[in-house]
Amino acid sequence: MKIVDAANLDDRRSKRTGPQLDLGTTSRLNQNTLEETRRLWQPKYRGKLSERETVEISSNLCLFFTILAEWEEARVALEQRGENQRGREDAGA
């Protein structure tokens, strides 16, 4: 499994269309978010999570949910196109 580096998230976001999620870098990530991430994930690690690791975890989760949202938007758009197509076929019948 590849871990997305926080510095590379801008590349991923620049290829997206629609609203942009501003994850930022370490300095921009909400300190409360980082503390909560560390509290949640620390028990699953043998050593102490570094700040960089915590930022990567937070960034990866944000990116994951961003992609899920993109998939949902695409699914809804496909459903709407299908309904519009069926409506035109019914009107022409």
C-alpha atoms as a PDB file:
ATOM      1  CA  MET A   1       0.000   0.000   0.000  1.00  0.00           C
ATOM      2  CA  LYS A   2       1.452   3.343  -1.049  1.00  0.00           C
ATOM      3  CA  ILE A   3       1.346   6.161   1.466  1.00  0.00           C
ATOM      4  CA  VAL A   4       0.584   9.547  -0.052  1.00  0.00           C
ATOM      5  CA  ASP A   5       3.135  12.130   0.964  1.00  0.00           C
ATOM      6  CA  ALA A   6       1.532  15.346   2.218  1.00  0.00           C
ATOM      7  CA  ALA A   7       3.727  17.373  -0.128  1.00  0.00           C
ATOM      8  CA  ASN A   8       2.297  15.504  -3.141  1.00  0.00           C
ATOM      9  CA  LEU A   9      -1.350  16.138  -2.296  1.00  0.00           C
ATOM     10  CA  ASP A  10      -1.305  19.401  -4.258  1.00  0.00           C
ATOM     11  CA  ASP A  11      -0.523  17.359  -7.405  1.00  0.00           C
ATOM     12  CA  ARG A  12      -3.520  15.090  -6.764  1.00  0.00           C
ATOM     13  CA  ARG A  13      -5.821  18.032  -6.033  1.00  0.00           C
ATOM     14  CA  SER A  14      -4.649  20.001  -9.082  1.00  0.00           C
ATOM     15  CA  LYS A  15      -5.971  17.192 -11.324  1.00  0.00           C
ATOM     16  CA  ARG A  16      -9.426  17.308  -9.720  1.00  0.00           C
ATOM     17  CA  THR A  17     -12.347  19.294 -11.026  1.00  0.00           C
ATOM     18  CA  GLY A  18     -14.976  20.879  -8.842  1.00  0.00           C
ATOM     19  CA  PRO A  19     -14.512  22.127  -5.288  1.00  0.00           C
ATOM     20  CA  GLN A  20     -11.004  21.801  -3.933  1.00  0.00           C
ATOM     21  CA  LEU A  21     -10.296  20.453  -0.477  1.00  0.00           C
ATOM     22  CA  ASP A  22      -7.567  22.545   1.158  1.00  0.00           C
ATOM     23  CA  LEU A  23      -5.531  20.055   3.146  1.00  0.00           C
ATOM     24  CA  GLY A  24      -2.448  22.210   3.187  1.00  0.00           C
ATOM     25  CA  THR A  25       0.815  21.158   4.777  1.00  0.00           C
ATOM     26  CA  THR A  26       1.823  20.486   8.364  1.00  0.00           C
ATOM     27  CA  SER A  27       1.593  24.154   9.261  1.00  0.00           C
ATOM     28  CA  ARG A  28      -1.944  24.410   7.858  1.00  0.00           C
ATOM     29  CA  LEU A  29      -3.403  21.214   9.263  1.00  0.00           C
ATOM     30  CA  ASN A  30      -5.540  21.903  12.265  1.00  0.00           C
ATOM     31  CA  GLN A  31      -3.578  21.072  15.414  1.00  0.00           C
ATOM     32  CA  ASN A  32      -6.667  19.483  16.959  1.00  0.00           C
ATOM     33  CA  THR A  33      -6.973  17.189  13.945  1.00  0.00           C
ATOM     34  CA  LEU A  34      -3.352  16.113  14.304  1.00  0.00           C
ATOM     35  CA  GLU A  35      -3.720  15.502  18.027  1.00  0.00           C
ATOM     36  CA  GLU A  36      -6.879  13.446  17.464  1.00  0.00           C
ATOM     37  CA  THR A  37      -5.160  11.476  14.692  1.00  0.00           C
ATOM     38  CA  ARG A  38      -2.209  10.746  16.945  1.00  0.00           C
ATOM     39  CA  ARG A  39      -4.488   9.713  19.831  1.00  0.00           C
ATOM     40  CA  LEU A  40      -6.467   7.369  17.581  1.00  0.00           C
ATOM     41  CA  TRP A  41      -3.576   5.770  15.667  1.00  0.00           C
ATOM     42  CA  GLN A  42      -0.772   5.736  18.267  1.00  0.00           C
ATOM     43  CA  PRO A  43      -1.966   2.489  19.937  1.00  0.00           C
ATOM     44  CA  LYS A  44      -1.631   0.733  16.571  1.00  0.00           C
ATOM     45  CA  TYR A  45       2.079   1.636  16.221  1.00  0.00           C
ATOM     46  CA  ARG A  46       5.005   0.149  18.116  1.00  0.00           C
ATOM     47  CA  GLY A  47       6.997   3.374  18.340  1.00  0.00           C
ATOM     48  CA  LYS A  48       5.940   6.963  18.862  1.00  0.00           C
ATOM     49  CA  LEU A  49       4.249   8.511  15.816  1.00  0.00           C
ATOM     50  CA  SER A  50       6.284  11.382  14.447  1.00  0.00           C
ATOM     51  CA  GLU A  51       4.606  14.586  13.349  1.00  0.00           C
ATOM     52  CA  ARG A  52       5.310  13.669   9.725  1.00  0.00           C
ATOM     53  CA  GLU A  53       3.642  10.270  10.147  1.00  0.00           C
ATOM     54  CA  THR A  54       0.657  11.902  11.806  1.00  0.00           C
ATOM     55  CA  VAL A  55       0.356  14.408   8.959  1.00  0.00           C
ATOM     56  CA  GLU A  56       0.568  11.580   6.409  1.00  0.00           C
ATOM     57  CA  ILE A  57      -2.185   9.628   8.150  1.00  0.00           C
ATOM     58  CA  SER A  58      -4.444  12.695   8.315  1.00  0.00           C
ATOM     59  CA  SER A  59      -3.714  13.630   4.717  1.00  0.00           C
ATOM     60  CA  ASN A  60      -4.304  10.093   3.468  1.00  0.00           C
ATOM     61  CA  LEU A  61      -7.648   9.913   5.251  1.00  0.00           C
ATOM     62  CA  CYS A  62      -8.723  13.267   3.823  1.00  0.00           C
ATOM     63  CA  LEU A  63      -7.685  12.184   0.341  1.00  0.00           C
ATOM     64  CA  PHE A  64      -9.500   8.852   0.744  1.00  0.00           C
ATOM     65  CA  PHE A  65     -12.765  10.572   1.675  1.00  0.00           C
ATOM     66  CA  THR A  66     -12.285  13.128  -1.095  1.00  0.00           C
ATOM     67  CA  ILE A  67     -12.048  10.289  -3.606  1.00  0.00           C
ATOM     68  CA  LEU A  68     -15.138   8.624  -2.128  1.00  0.00           C
ATOM     69  CA  ALA A  69     -17.012  11.921  -2.532  1.00  0.00           C
ATOM     70  CA  GLU A  70     -15.853  12.158  -6.166  1.00  0.00           C
ATOM     71  CA  TRP A  71     -17.120   8.628  -6.822  1.00  0.00           C
ATOM     72  CA  GLU A  72     -20.473   9.480  -5.253  1.00  0.00           C
ATOM     73  CA  GLU A  73     -20.768  12.633  -7.376  1.00  0.00           C
ATOM     74  CA  ALA A  74     -19.990  10.592 -10.488  1.00  0.00           C
ATOM     75  CA  ARG A  75     -22.547   7.943  -9.517  1.00  0.00           C
ATOM     76  CA  VAL A  76     -25.261  10.548  -8.985  1.00  0.00           C
ATOM     77  CA  ALA A  77     -24.405  12.228 -12.296  1.00  0.00           C
ATOM     78  CA  LEU A  78     -24.667   8.891 -14.113  1.00  0.00           C
ATOM     79  CA  GLU A  79     -28.023   8.169 -12.476  1.00  0.00           C
ATOM     80  CA  GLN A  80     -29.319  11.611 -13.446  1.00  0.00           C
ATOM     81  CA  ARG A  81     -28.165  11.167 -17.046  1.00  0.00           C
ATOM     82  CA  GLY A  82     -29.907   7.794 -17.144  1.00  0.00           C
ATOM     83  CA  GLU A  83     -33.135   9.286 -15.800  1.00  0.00           C
ATOM     84  CA  ASN A  84     -32.951  12.169 -18.298  1.00  0.00           C
ATOM     85  CA  GLN A  85     -32.387   9.695 -21.140  1.00  0.00           C
ATOM     86  CA  ARG A  86     -35.374   7.569 -20.036  1.00  0.00           C
ATOM     87  CA  GLY A  87     -37.518  10.716 -19.801  1.00  0.00           C
ATOM     88  CA  ARG A  88     -36.685  11.690 -23.386  1.00  0.00           C
ATOM     89  CA  GLU A  89     -37.411   8.177 -24.612  1.00  0.00           C
ATOM     90  CA  ASP A  90     -40.784   8.167 -22.811  1.00  0.00           C
ATOM     91  CA  ALA A  91     -41.702  11.570 -24.259  1.00  0.00           C
ATOM     92  CA  GLY A  92     -40.871  10.421 -27.788  1.00  0.00           C
ATOM     93  CA  ALA A  93     -42.864   7.209 -27.544  1.00  0.00           C
END
